[in-house]
PDB file of N, CA and C in Angstrom:
ATOM      1  N   MET A   1      48.974 -22.147  -3.612  1.00  0.00           N
ATOM      2  CA  MET A   1      47.607 -22.377  -2.665  1.00  0.00           C
ATOM      3  C   MET A   1      46.444 -22.438  -3.330  1.00  0.00           C
ATOM      4  N   LEU A   2      45.474 -23.199  -3.204  1.00  0.00           N
ATOM      5  CA  LEU A   2      44.184 -22.767  -3.862  1.00  0.00           C
ATOM      6  C   LEU A   2      43.388 -22.478  -2.498  1.00  0.00           C
ATOM      7  N   ALA A   3      41.888 -21.559  -3.064  1.00  0.00           N
ATOM      8  CA  ALA A   3      40.763 -22.031  -2.185  1.00  0.00           C
ATOM      9  C   ALA A   3      39.654 -21.809  -3.335  1.00  0.00           C
ATOM     10  N   GLU A   4      39.161 -23.199  -3.014  1.00  0.00           N
ATOM     11  CA  GLU A   4      38.055 -23.206  -4.158  1.00  0.00           C
ATOM     12  C   GLU A   4      36.580 -22.697  -3.718  1.00  0.00           C
ATOM     13  N   LEU A   5      36.481 -21.765  -3.803  1.00  0.00           N
ATOM     14  CA  LEU A   5      35.109 -20.910  -2.953  1.00  0.00           C
ATOM     15  C   LEU A   5      34.097 -21.123  -3.372  1.00  0.00           C
ATOM     16  N   HIS A   6      33.891 -21.467  -4.543  1.00  0.00           N
ATOM     17  CA  HIS A   6      32.583 -22.269  -4.884  1.00  0.00           C
ATOM     18  C   HIS A   6      32.452 -23.906  -5.107  1.00  0.00           C
ATOM     19  N   GLY A   7      32.833 -24.566  -4.426  1.00  0.00           N
ATOM     20  CA  GLY A   7      33.201 -25.891  -4.770  1.00  0.00           C
ATOM     21  C   GLY A   7      33.830 -26.436  -5.639  1.00  0.00           C
ATOM     22  N   ASN A   8      33.694 -27.833  -6.039  1.00  0.00           N
ATOM     23  CA  ASN A   8      34.825 -28.407  -7.045  1.00  0.00           C
ATOM     24  C   ASN A   8      33.628 -29.145  -7.591  1.00  0.00           C
ATOM     25  N   SER A   9      33.316 -28.930  -9.013  1.00  0.00           N
ATOM     26  CA  SER A   9      32.370 -30.506  -9.694  1.00  0.00           C
ATOM     27  C   SER A   9      33.054 -31.808  -9.371  1.00  0.00           C
ATOM     28  N   ASN A  10      34.132 -31.834  -8.989  1.00  0.00           N
ATOM     29  CA  ASN A  10      34.759 -33.390  -9.192  1.00  0.00           C
ATOM     30  C   ASN A  10      35.009 -33.814  -7.780  1.00  0.00           C
ATOM     31  N   LEU A  11      34.211 -32.624  -6.412  1.00  0.00           N
ATOM     32  CA  LEU A  11      34.578 -33.332  -5.483  1.00  0.00           C
ATOM     33  C   LEU A  11      33.185 -33.683  -4.869  1.00  0.00           C
ATOM     34  N   GLU A  12      32.459 -34.842  -4.324  1.00  0.00           N
ATOM     35  CA  GLU A  12      31.446 -35.033  -3.698  1.00  0.00           C
ATOM     36  C   GLU A  12      31.731 -35.593  -1.831  1.00  0.00           C
ATOM     37  N   LEU A  13      30.693 -34.897  -1.180  1.00  0.00           N
ATOM     38  CA  LEU A  13      30.992 -34.961   0.406  1.00  0.00           C
ATOM     39  C   LEU A  13      29.653 -35.600   0.750  1.00  0.00           C
ATOM     40  N   PHE A  14      29.599 -35.982   2.188  1.00  0.00           N
ATOM     41  CA  PHE A  14      28.140 -36.650   2.707  1.00  0.00           C
ATOM     42  C   PHE A  14      27.598 -35.078   3.062  1.00  0.00           C
ATOM     43  N   HIS A  15      26.731 -34.551   2.803  1.00  0.00           N
ATOM     44  CA  HIS A  15      25.467 -33.421   3.335  1.00  0.00           C
ATOM     45  C   HIS A  15      24.380 -33.758   2.425  1.00  0.00           C
ATOM     46  N   ASP A  16      24.173 -32.466   2.155  1.00  0.00           N
ATOM     47  CA  ASP A  16      22.275 -32.741   2.085  1.00  0.00           C
ATOM     48  C   ASP A  16      22.103 -32.094   0.521  1.00  0.00           C
ATOM     49  N   ARG A  17      23.016 -32.451  -0.424  1.00  0.00           N
ATOM     50  CA  ARG A  17      22.596 -31.928  -1.767  1.00  0.00           C
ATOM     51  C   ARG A  17      22.779 -33.314  -2.708  1.00  0.00           C
ATOM     52  N   ALA A  18      21.785 -34.389  -2.423  1.00  0.00           N
ATOM     53  CA  ALA A  18      22.159 -35.846  -3.093  1.00  0.00           C
ATOM     54  C   ALA A  18      22.453 -35.543  -4.699  1.00  0.00           C
ATOM     55  N   THR A  19      23.624 -36.563  -4.636  1.00  0.00           N
ATOM     56  CA  THR A  19      23.571 -36.800  -6.120  1.00  0.00           C
ATOM     57  C   THR A  19      23.177 -37.803  -7.075  1.00  0.00           C
ATOM     58  N   ASN A  20      22.732 -38.777  -5.984  1.00  0.00           N
ATOM     59  CA  ASN A  20      22.277 -40.122  -6.489  1.00  0.00           C
ATOM     60  C   ASN A  20      23.148 -41.224  -6.793  1.00  0.00           C
ATOM     61  N   ARG A  21      24.483 -40.656  -6.426  1.00  0.00           N
ATOM     62  CA  ARG A  21      25.634 -41.700  -6.191  1.00  0.00           C
ATOM     63  C   ARG A  21      25.720 -42.146  -4.881  1.00  0.00           C
ATOM     64  N   LYS A  22      26.465 -43.290  -4.450  1.00  0.00           N
ATOM     65  CA  LYS A  22      26.832 -43.674  -2.798  1.00  0.00           C
ATOM     66  C   LYS A  22      27.988 -43.850  -2.937  1.00  0.00           C
ATOM     67  N   CYS A  23      28.456 -43.551  -1.579  1.00  0.00           N
ATOM     68  CA  CYS A  23      30.079 -43.916  -1.268  1.00  0.00           C
ATOM     69  C   CYS A  23      30.097 -45.522  -1.655  1.00  0.00           C
ATOM     70  N   THR A  24      31.534 -45.988  -2.232  1.00  0.00           N
ATOM     71  CA  THR A  24      31.610 -47.289  -2.192  1.00  0.00           C
ATOM     72  C   THR A  24      32.121 -48.039  -1.132  1.00  0.00           C
ATOM     73  N   LYS A  25      32.488 -47.481  -0.383  1.00  0.00           N
ATOM     74  CA  LYS A  25      32.670 -48.065   1.169  1.00  0.00           C
ATOM     75  C   LYS A  25      31.320 -47.950   2.024  1.00  0.00           C
ATOM     76  N   CYS A  26      30.869 -47.041   2.412  1.00  0.00           N
ATOM     77  CA  CYS A  26      29.686 -47.093   3.468  1.00  0.00           C
ATOM     78  C   CYS A  26      28.399 -47.077   2.599  1.00  0.00           C
ATOM     79  N   ARG A  27      28.143 -46.645   1.796  1.00  0.00           N
ATOM     80  CA  ARG A  27      26.814 -46.792   0.789  1.00  0.00           C
ATOM     81  C   ARG A  27      26.337 -45.675   1.037  1.00  0.00           C
ATOM     82  N   SER A  28      26.563 -44.875   1.996  1.00  0.00           N
ATOM     83  CA  SER A  28      25.942 -43.389   2.087  1.00  0.00           C
ATOM     84  C   SER A  28      25.695 -42.352   1.092  1.00  0.00           C
ATOM     85  N   ILE A  29      24.666 -42.087   0.674  1.00  0.00           N
ATOM     86  CA  ILE A  29      24.281 -40.992  -0.323  1.00  0.00           C
ATOM     87  C   ILE A  29      25.374 -39.799  -0.354  1.00  0.00           C
ATOM     88  N   LEU A  30      25.810 -39.529  -1.666  1.00  0.00           N
ATOM     89  CA  LEU A  30      27.078 -38.561  -1.921  1.00  0.00           C
ATOM     90  C   LEU A  30      26.473 -37.123  -2.282  1.00  0.00           C
ATOM     91  N   SER A  31      26.857 -35.885  -2.039  1.00  0.00           N
ATOM     92  CA  SER A  31      26.335 -34.885  -2.108  1.00  0.00           C
ATOM     93  C   SER A  31      27.240 -33.909  -3.105  1.00  0.00           C
ATOM     94  N   ASP A  32      27.352 -32.830  -3.841  1.00  0.00           N
ATOM     95  CA  ASP A  32      27.924 -31.977  -4.893  1.00  0.00           C
ATOM     96  C   ASP A  32      28.688 -31.302  -3.892  1.00  0.00           C
ATOM     97  N   SER A  33      29.652 -30.562  -3.993  1.00  0.00           N
ATOM     98  CA  SER A  33      30.517 -29.441  -3.257  1.00  0.00           C
ATOM     99  C   SER A  33      30.294 -28.202  -3.773  1.00  0.00           C
ATOM    100  N   ILE A  34      29.310 -28.218  -4.716  1.00  0.00           N
ATOM    101  CA  ILE A  34      29.016 -26.869  -5.659  1.00  0.00           C
ATOM    102  C   ILE A  34      28.274 -25.827  -4.789  1.00  0.00           C
ATOM    103  N   ILE A  35      28.756 -24.703  -4.517  1.00  0.00           N
ATOM    104  CA  ILE A  35      28.091 -23.478  -3.892  1.00  0.00           C
ATOM    105  C   ILE A  35      27.130 -22.695  -5.319  1.00  0.00           C
ATOM    106  N   ASN A  36      25.773 -22.800  -4.870  1.00  0.00           N
ATOM    107  CA  ASN A  36      24.986 -22.251  -5.741  1.00  0.00           C
ATOM    108  C   ASN A  36      24.399 -20.781  -5.562  1.00  0.00           C
ATOM    109  N   PHE A  37      24.316 -20.250  -6.660  1.00  0.00           N
ATOM    110  CA  PHE A  37      24.186 -18.616  -6.170  1.00  0.00           C
ATOM    111  C   PHE A  37      23.067 -18.323  -5.155  1.00  0.00           C
ATOM    112  N   GLY A  38      23.370 -17.522  -4.264  1.00  0.00           N
ATOM    113  CA  GLY A  38      22.327 -17.284  -3.376  1.00  0.00           C
ATOM    114  C   GLY A  38      22.926 -18.172  -1.822  1.00  0.00           C
ATOM    115  N   GLU A  39      23.810 -19.183  -1.980  1.00  0.00           N
ATOM    116  CA  GLU A  39      24.107 -20.077  -1.327  1.00  0.00           C
ATOM    117  C   GLU A  39      25.472 -19.272  -0.323  1.00  0.00           C
ATOM    118  N   SER A  40      25.566 -19.458   0.856  1.00  0.00           N
ATOM    119  CA  SER A  40      26.761 -18.669   1.643  1.00  0.00           C
ATOM    120  C   SER A  40      28.071 -19.711   1.128  1.00  0.00           C
ATOM    121  N   LEU A  41      29.383 -19.076   1.028  1.00  0.00           N
ATOM    122  CA  LEU A  41      30.452 -19.549   0.775  1.00  0.00           C
ATOM    123  C   LEU A  41      30.919 -20.495   2.302  1.00  0.00           C
ATOM    124  N   PRO A  42      31.737 -21.279   2.325  1.00  0.00           N
ATOM    125  CA  PRO A  42      32.255 -22.285   3.156  1.00  0.00           C
ATOM    126  C   PRO A  42      33.001 -21.293   3.997  1.00  0.00           C
ATOM    127  N   LYS A  43      32.883 -21.166   5.376  1.00  0.00           N
ATOM    128  CA  LYS A  43      33.655 -20.109   5.781  1.00  0.00           C
ATOM    129  C   LYS A  43      35.151 -20.214   5.808  1.00  0.00           C
ATOM    130  N   HIS A  44      35.337 -21.639   5.960  1.00  0.00           N
ATOM    131  CA  HIS A  44      37.028 -22.358   5.918  1.00  0.00           C
ATOM    132  C   HIS A  44      37.572 -21.706   4.645  1.00  0.00           C
ATOM    133  N   GLU A  45      36.955 -21.871   3.775  1.00  0.00           N
ATOM    134  CA  GLU A  45      37.208 -21.524   2.339  1.00  0.00           C
ATOM    135  C   GLU A  45      37.535 -19.992   2.153  1.00  0.00           C
ATOM    136  N   LEU A  46      36.458 -19.429   2.838  1.00  0.00           N
ATOM    137  CA  LEU A  46      36.603 -18.096   2.712  1.00  0.00           C
ATOM    138  C   LEU A  46      37.456 -17.495   3.595  1.00  0.00           C
ATOM    139  N   GLU A  47      37.611 -17.836   4.771  1.00  0.00           N
ATOM    140  CA  GLU A  47      39.324 -17.188   5.352  1.00  0.00           C
ATOM    141  C   GLU A  47      40.695 -17.917   4.917  1.00  0.00           C
ATOM    142  N   THR A  48      40.176 -19.072   4.543  1.00  0.00           N
ATOM    143  CA  THR A  48      41.568 -19.665   3.534  1.00  0.00           C
ATOM    144  C   THR A  48      41.854 -18.573   2.407  1.00  0.00           C
ATOM    145  N   SER A  49      41.077 -18.406   1.887  1.00  0.00           N
ATOM    146  CA  SER A  49      41.233 -17.597   0.386  1.00  0.00           C
ATOM    147  C   SER A  49      41.831 -16.019   1.145  1.00  0.00           C
ATOM    148  N   PHE A  50      41.794 -15.828   2.098  1.00  0.00           N
ATOM    149  CA  PHE A  50      41.865 -13.968   2.986  1.00  0.00           C
ATOM    150  C   PHE A  50      43.344 -14.393   2.998  1.00  0.00           C
ATOM    151  N   ASP A  51      43.406 -15.553   3.636  1.00  0.00           N
ATOM    152  CA  ASP A  51      44.945 -15.785   4.305  1.00  0.00           C
ATOM    153  C   ASP A  51      45.677 -16.186   3.252  1.00  0.00           C
ATOM    154  N   HIS A  52      45.626 -16.802   1.697  1.00  0.00           N
ATOM    155  CA  HIS A  52      46.138 -16.874   0.886  1.00  0.00           C
ATOM    156  C   HIS A  52      46.637 -15.433  -0.143  1.00  0.00           C
ATOM    157  N   ALA A  53      45.434 -14.273  -0.087  1.00  0.00           N
ATOM    158  CA  ALA A  53      45.431 -13.127  -0.375  1.00  0.00           C
ATOM    159  C   ALA A  53      46.721 -12.516   0.133  1.00  0.00           C
ATOM    160  N   LYS A  54      46.818 -12.765   1.520  1.00  0.00           N
ATOM    161  CA  LYS A  54      48.047 -11.899   2.327  1.00  0.00           C
ATOM    162  C   LYS A  54      49.521 -12.186   1.843  1.00  0.00           C
ATOM    163  N   ARG A  55      49.378 -13.466   1.239  1.00  0.00           N
ATOM    164  CA  ARG A  55      50.675 -14.184   0.853  1.00  0.00           C
ATOM    165  C   ARG A  55      51.496 -14.086  -0.248  1.00  0.00           C
ATOM    166  N   ALA A  56      50.266 -13.924  -0.728  1.00  0.00           N
ATOM    167  CA  ALA A  56      50.318 -14.558  -2.494  1.00  0.00           C
ATOM    168  C   ALA A  56      51.214 -13.418  -3.566  1.00  0.00           C
ATOM    169  N   ASP A  57      51.844 -13.961  -4.345  1.00  0.00           N
ATOM    170  CA  ASP A  57      52.670 -13.174  -5.005  1.00  0.00           C
ATOM    171  C   ASP A  57      52.278 -12.675  -6.423  1.00  0.00           C
ATOM    172  N   VAL A  58      50.979 -13.565  -6.791  1.00  0.00           N
ATOM    173  CA  VAL A  58      50.153 -13.673  -7.823  1.00  0.00           C
ATOM    174  C   VAL A  58      49.125 -14.442  -7.440  1.00  0.00           C
ATOM    175  N   CYS A  59      47.811 -13.435  -7.783  1.00  0.00           N
ATOM    176  CA  CYS A  59      46.571 -14.282  -7.645  1.00  0.00           C
ATOM    177  C   CYS A  59      45.904 -14.219  -9.036  1.00  0.00           C
ATOM    178  N   LEU A  60      45.232 -15.514  -9.477  1.00  0.00           N
ATOM    179  CA  LEU A  60      44.970 -16.062 -10.851  1.00  0.00           C
ATOM    180  C   LEU A  60      43.386 -16.149 -10.345  1.00  0.00           C
ATOM    181  N   VAL A  61      42.525 -15.275 -10.938  1.00  0.00           N
ATOM    182  CA  VAL A  61      41.210 -15.546 -10.426  1.00  0.00           C
ATOM    183  C   VAL A  61      40.661 -15.848 -11.939  1.00  0.00           C
ATOM    184  N   LEU A  62      39.702 -17.065 -12.129  1.00  0.00           N
ATOM    185  CA  LEU A  62      39.256 -17.564 -12.958  1.00  0.00           C
ATOM    186  C   LEU A  62      37.466 -17.610 -13.148  1.00  0.00           C
ATOM    187  N   GLY A  63      36.910 -17.420 -14.127  1.00  0.00           N
ATOM    188  CA  GLY A  63      35.275 -16.942 -14.510  1.00  0.00           C
ATOM    189  C   GLY A  63      34.942 -16.143 -13.310  1.00  0.00           C
ATOM    190  N   SER A  64      35.506 -14.917 -12.902  1.00  0.00           N
ATOM    191  CA  SER A  64      34.483 -14.225 -12.069  1.00  0.00           C
ATOM    192  C   SER A  64      34.561 -12.882 -12.299  1.00  0.00           C
ATOM    193  N   SER A  65      33.626 -12.273 -12.054  1.00  0.00           N
ATOM    194  CA  SER A  65      33.416 -10.422 -12.303  1.00  0.00           C
ATOM    195  C   SER A  65      34.531  -9.718 -10.966  1.00  0.00           C
ATOM    196  N   LEU A  66      34.776 -10.724 -10.336  1.00  0.00           N
ATOM    197  CA  LEU A  66      35.594 -10.038  -8.700  1.00  0.00           C
ATOM    198  C   LEU A  66      34.981  -8.990  -8.203  1.00  0.00           C
ATOM    199  N   ARG A  67      33.574  -8.812  -8.257  1.00  0.00           N
ATOM    200  CA  ARG A  67      32.427  -8.022  -7.723  1.00  0.00           C
ATOM    201  C   ARG A  67      31.944  -8.499  -6.521  1.00  0.00           C
ATOM    202  N   VAL A  68      32.055 -10.164  -6.339  1.00  0.00           N
ATOM    203  CA  VAL A  68      30.953 -10.314  -5.699  1.00  0.00           C
ATOM    204  C   VAL A  68      31.394 -10.703  -4.128  1.00  0.00           C
ATOM    205  N   THR A  69      30.546 -10.064  -3.177  1.00  0.00           N
ATOM    206  CA  THR A  69      31.071 -10.276  -1.811  1.00  0.00           C
ATOM    207  C   THR A  69      30.830 -11.398  -1.013  1.00  0.00           C
ATOM    208  N   PRO A  70      31.280 -11.999  -0.054  1.00  0.00           N
ATOM    209  CA  PRO A  70      32.487 -11.561   0.288  1.00  0.00           C
ATOM    210  C   PRO A  70      33.856 -11.732  -0.287  1.00  0.00           C
ATOM    211  N   ALA A  71      33.872 -12.058  -1.398  1.00  0.00           N
ATOM    212  CA  ALA A  71      35.585 -12.321  -1.715  1.00  0.00           C
ATOM    213  C   ALA A  71      35.660 -11.651  -2.463  1.00  0.00           C
ATOM    214  N   ALA A  72      34.961 -10.641  -2.762  1.00  0.00           N
ATOM    215  CA  ALA A  72      35.802  -9.434  -3.553  1.00  0.00           C
ATOM    216  C   ALA A  72      36.971  -8.766  -3.192  1.00  0.00           C
ATOM    217  N   PRO A  73      36.955  -8.546  -1.908  1.00  0.00           N
ATOM    218  CA  PRO A  73      38.027  -7.924  -0.843  1.00  0.00           C
ATOM    219  C   PRO A  73      39.447  -8.676  -1.409  1.00  0.00           C
ATOM    220  N   ASN A  74      39.646  -9.727  -1.800  1.00  0.00           N
ATOM    221  CA  ASN A  74      40.782 -10.913  -2.340  1.00  0.00           C
ATOM    222  C   ASN A  74      41.548 -10.069  -2.982  1.00  0.00           C
ATOM    223  N   ARG A  75      41.420  -9.349  -4.216  1.00  0.00           N
ATOM    224  CA  ARG A  75      41.965  -8.698  -4.848  1.00  0.00           C
ATOM    225  C   ARG A  75      42.698  -7.626  -5.049  1.00  0.00           C
ATOM    226  N   GLN A  76      41.706  -6.836  -3.755  1.00  0.00           N
ATOM    227  CA  GLN A  76      42.675  -5.768  -3.350  1.00  0.00           C
ATOM    228  C   GLN A  76      43.654  -6.035  -2.035  1.00  0.00           C
ATOM    229  N   ILE A  77      43.474  -7.183  -1.288  1.00  0.00           N
ATOM    230  CA  ILE A  77      44.731  -7.407  -0.720  1.00  0.00           C
ATOM    231  C   ILE A  77      45.750  -7.943  -0.984  1.00  0.00           C
ATOM    232  N   VAL A  78      45.656  -8.653  -2.349  1.00  0.00           N
ATOM    233  CA  VAL A  78      46.292  -9.107  -3.213  1.00  0.00           C
ATOM    234  C   VAL A  78      47.884  -7.697  -3.842  1.00  0.00           C
ATOM    235  N   GLY A  79      46.544  -6.834  -4.082  1.00  0.00           N
ATOM    236  CA  GLY A  79      47.357  -5.744  -4.544  1.00  0.00           C
ATOM    237  C   GLY A  79      48.010  -4.793  -3.092  1.00  0.00           C
ATOM    238  N   GLN A  80      47.050  -4.623  -2.428  1.00  0.00           N
ATOM    239  CA  GLN A  80      48.203  -3.996  -0.990  1.00  0.00           C
ATOM    240  C   GLN A  80      49.613  -4.651  -0.683  1.00  0.00           C
ATOM    241  N   GLN A  81      49.531  -6.284  -0.593  1.00  0.00           N
ATOM    242  CA  GLN A  81      50.508  -7.058  -0.280  1.00  0.00           C
ATOM    243  C   GLN A  81      51.537  -6.755  -1.749  1.00  0.00           C
ATOM    244  N   GLY A  82      51.422  -6.044  -2.409  1.00  0.00           N
ATOM    245  CA  GLY A  82      52.418  -6.171  -3.677  1.00  0.00           C
ATOM    246  C   GLY A  82      52.424  -7.101  -4.770  1.00  0.00           C
ATOM    247  N   GLY A  83      51.359  -8.023  -4.555  1.00  0.00           N
ATOM    248  CA  GLY A  83      50.932  -9.060  -5.672  1.00  0.00           C
ATOM    249  C   GLY A  83      50.221  -9.027  -6.660  1.00  0.00           C
ATOM    250  N   LYS A  84      50.496  -9.534  -7.920  1.00  0.00           N
ATOM    251  CA  LYS A  84      50.035  -9.294  -9.046  1.00  0.00           C
ATOM    252  C   LYS A  84      48.370  -9.989  -9.319  1.00  0.00           C
ATOM    253  N   LEU A  85      47.613  -9.662  -9.818  1.00  0.00           N
ATOM    254  CA  LEU A  85      46.497 -10.187 -10.533  1.00  0.00           C
ATOM    255  C   LEU A  85      46.320 -10.319 -11.850  1.00  0.00           C
ATOM    256  N   ALA A  86      46.123 -11.625 -12.031  1.00  0.00           N
ATOM    257  CA  ALA A  86      45.944 -12.441 -13.725  1.00  0.00           C
ATOM    258  C   ALA A  86      44.294 -12.511 -13.611  1.00  0.00           C
ATOM    259  N   ILE A  87      43.751 -12.007 -14.325  1.00  0.00           N
ATOM    260  CA  ILE A  87      42.352 -12.555 -14.754  1.00  0.00           C
ATOM    261  C   ILE A  87      42.057 -13.364 -15.847  1.00  0.00           C
ATOM    262  N   GLY A  88      41.464 -14.763 -15.753  1.00  0.00           N
ATOM    263  CA  GLY A  88      41.037 -15.677 -16.970  1.00  0.00           C
ATOM    264  C   GLY A  88      39.399 -15.607 -16.688  1.00  0.00           C
ATOM    265  N   ASN A  89      39.130 -14.976 -18.259  1.00  0.00           N
ATOM    266  CA  ASN A  89      37.848 -14.558 -18.008  1.00  0.00           C
ATOM    267  C   ASN A  89      37.273 -14.557 -19.703  1.00  0.00           C
ATOM    268  N   LEU A  90      36.167 -15.361 -20.051  1.00  0.00           N
ATOM    269  CA  LEU A  90      35.563 -15.089 -21.193  1.00  0.00           C
ATOM    270  C   LEU A  90      35.625 -13.998 -21.512  1.00  0.00           C
ATOM    271  N   GLN A  91      34.658 -12.879 -20.922  1.00  0.00           N
ATOM    272  CA  GLN A  91      34.697 -11.366 -20.785  1.00  0.00           C
ATOM    273  C   GLN A  91      35.548 -10.665 -19.973  1.00  0.00           C
ATOM    274  N   SER A  92      35.811  -9.478 -20.769  1.00  0.00           N
ATOM    275  CA  SER A  92      36.253  -8.636 -19.798  1.00  0.00           C
ATOM    276  C   SER A  92      35.110  -8.108 -18.592  1.00  0.00           C
ATOM    277  N   THR A  93      35.841  -7.458 -17.512  1.00  0.00           N
ATOM    278  CA  THR A  93      35.267  -7.367 -16.255  1.00  0.00           C
ATOM    279  C   THR A  93      35.804  -6.285 -16.181  1.00  0.00           C
ATOM    280  N   LEU A  94      35.034  -5.310 -15.182  1.00  0.00           N
ATOM    281  CA  LEU A  94      34.678  -4.162 -15.398  1.00  0.00           C
ATOM    282  C   LEU A  94      36.148  -3.810 -14.319  1.00  0.00           C
ATOM    283  N   LEU A  95      36.749  -4.713 -13.817  1.00  0.00           N
ATOM    284  CA  LEU A  95      37.997  -4.393 -13.211  1.00  0.00           C
ATOM    285  C   LEU A  95      39.213  -5.239 -13.513  1.00  0.00           C
ATOM    286  N   ALA A  96      39.350  -4.835 -14.949  1.00  0.00           N
ATOM    287  CA  ALA A  96      40.358  -5.665 -16.210  1.00  0.00           C
ATOM    288  C   ALA A  96      41.742  -4.924 -15.532  1.00  0.00           C
ATOM    289  N   SER A  97      41.477  -3.770 -15.654  1.00  0.00           N
ATOM    290  CA  SER A  97      42.265  -2.303 -15.185  1.00  0.00           C
ATOM    291  C   SER A  97      43.243  -2.813 -14.267  1.00  0.00           C
ATOM    292  N   LEU A  98      42.932  -3.116 -12.910  1.00  0.00           N
ATOM    293  CA  LEU A  98      43.663  -4.001 -11.642  1.00  0.00           C
ATOM    294  C   LEU A  98      44.459  -5.023 -12.297  1.00  0.00           C
ATOM    295  N   ALA A  99      44.444  -5.577 -13.567  1.00  0.00           N
ATOM    296  CA  ALA A  99      44.970  -7.074 -13.583  1.00  0.00           C
ATOM    297  C   ALA A  99      46.273  -6.596 -14.183  1.00  0.00           C
ATOM    298  N   LYS A 100      47.455  -7.529 -14.024  1.00  0.00           N
ATOM    299  CA  LYS A 100      48.386  -7.148 -14.887  1.00  0.00           C
ATOM    300  C   LYS A 100      48.270  -7.814 -15.948  1.00  0.00           C
ATOM    301  N   LEU A 101      47.729  -9.011 -15.961  1.00  0.00           N
ATOM    302  CA  LEU A 101      47.288  -9.727 -16.957  1.00  0.00           C
ATOM    303  C   LEU A 101      45.900 -10.102 -17.070  1.00  0.00           C
ATOM    304  N   ASN A 102      45.254  -9.920 -18.423  1.00  0.00           N
ATOM    305  CA  ASN A 102      44.202 -10.943 -18.626  1.00  0.00           C
ATOM    306  C   ASN A 102      44.148 -11.789 -19.979  1.00  0.00           C
ATOM    307  N   ILE A 103      43.743 -12.303 -19.716  1.00  0.00           N
ATOM    308  CA  ILE A 103      43.193 -13.578 -20.449  1.00  0.00           C
ATOM    309  C   ILE A 103      41.675 -14.431 -20.964  1.00  0.00           C
ATOM    310  N   HIS A 104      41.640 -13.629 -22.047  1.00  0.00           N
ATOM    311  CA  HIS A 104      40.012 -13.975 -22.709  1.00  0.00           C
ATOM    312  C   HIS A 104      39.918 -15.535 -22.954  1.00  0.00           C
ATOM    313  N   THR A 105      39.787 -16.568 -22.165  1.00  0.00           N
ATOM    314  CA  THR A 105      39.698 -18.036 -22.729  1.00  0.00           C
ATOM    315  C   THR A 105      38.326 -18.485 -21.995  1.00  0.00           C
ATOM    316  N   MET A 106      38.304 -19.811 -22.127  1.00  0.00           N
ATOM    317  CA  MET A 106      37.938 -20.481 -21.333  1.00  0.00           C
ATOM    318  C   MET A 106      38.229 -21.240 -20.197  1.00  0.00           C
ATOM    319  N   CYS A 107      38.334 -21.491 -18.717  1.00  0.00           N
ATOM    320  CA  CYS A 107      38.529 -21.382 -17.695  1.00  0.00           C
ATOM    321  C   CYS A 107      39.593 -22.898 -18.045  1.00  0.00           C
ATOM    322  N   ASP A 108      38.574 -23.692 -18.369  1.00  0.00           N
ATOM    323  CA  ASP A 108      39.458 -25.224 -18.765  1.00  0.00           C
ATOM    324  C   ASP A 108      40.410 -24.972 -19.900  1.00  0.00           C
ATOM    325  N   ASP A 109      40.396 -24.708 -20.675  1.00  0.00           N
ATOM    326  CA  ASP A 109      41.620 -24.232 -21.439  1.00  0.00           C
ATOM    327  C   ASP A 109      42.716 -23.388 -21.272  1.00  0.00           C
ATOM    328  N   LEU A 110      42.323 -22.579 -20.515  1.00  0.00           N
ATOM    329  CA  LEU A 110      43.629 -21.923 -19.653  1.00  0.00           C
ATOM    330  C   LEU A 110      44.295 -23.134 -18.834  1.00  0.00           C
ATOM    331  N   MET A 111      43.329 -23.449 -17.772  1.00  0.00           N
ATOM    332  CA  MET A 111      44.175 -24.474 -16.754  1.00  0.00           C
ATOM    333  C   MET A 111      44.906 -25.539 -17.875  1.00  0.00           C
ATOM    334  N   GLU A 112      44.521 -26.250 -18.734  1.00  0.00           N
ATOM    335  CA  GLU A 112      44.979 -27.289 -19.171  1.00  0.00           C
ATOM    336  C   GLU A 112      46.127 -26.683 -20.066  1.00  0.00           C
ATOM    337  N   LYS A 113      46.392 -25.295 -20.386  1.00  0.00           N
ATOM    338  CA  LYS A 113      47.589 -24.702 -20.869  1.00  0.00           C
ATOM    339  C   LYS A 113      48.625 -24.762 -19.788  1.00  0.00           C
ATOM    340  N   LEU A 114      48.157 -24.111 -18.726  1.00  0.00           N
ATOM    341  CA  LEU A 114      49.267 -23.986 -17.450  1.00  0.00           C
ATOM    342  C   LEU A 114      49.463 -25.115 -16.490  1.00  0.00           C
ATOM    343  N   ILE A 115      48.688 -26.277 -16.618  1.00  0.00           N
ATOM    344  CA  ILE A 115      49.431 -27.632 -16.131  1.00  0.00           C
ATOM    345  C   ILE A 115      50.491 -28.399 -17.210  1.00  0.00           C
ATOM    346  N   ARG A 116      50.418 -27.969 -18.566  1.00  0.00           N
ATOM    347  CA  ARG A 116      50.982 -28.664 -19.558  1.00  0.00           C
ATOM    348  C   ARG A 116      52.356 -27.765 -19.047  1.00  0.00           C
ATOM    349  N   LYS A 117      52.728 -26.647 -18.793  1.00  0.00           N
ATOM    350  CA  LYS A 117      53.720 -25.706 -18.561  1.00  0.00           C
ATOM    351  C   LYS A 117      54.632 -26.297 -17.387  1.00  0.00           C
TER     352      LYS A 117
END
């Protein structure tokens, strides 16, 4: 299960942040789906992340301090349900001690290796 809380750099939508590219079918201007600093997280994605956390055996968090609300409680929800937390981040976080596994590398490198397995 995946919840992309901060968007996806490879996904374009029809809304207010133009990318200067157009839909190949209707020619409407496309917008990125990235959530920038100071913008609210999409309600559906946030709710989905909490639902996933309640059912997760493992929660893999990539490139996050795990301290920014409103998504920060996910790490606690996973632990309360008996799940394990794994953090993939270049630097150690203040919450590294909560994780069963800390991997200090670039997120792209980690995901490429996981996909190959």
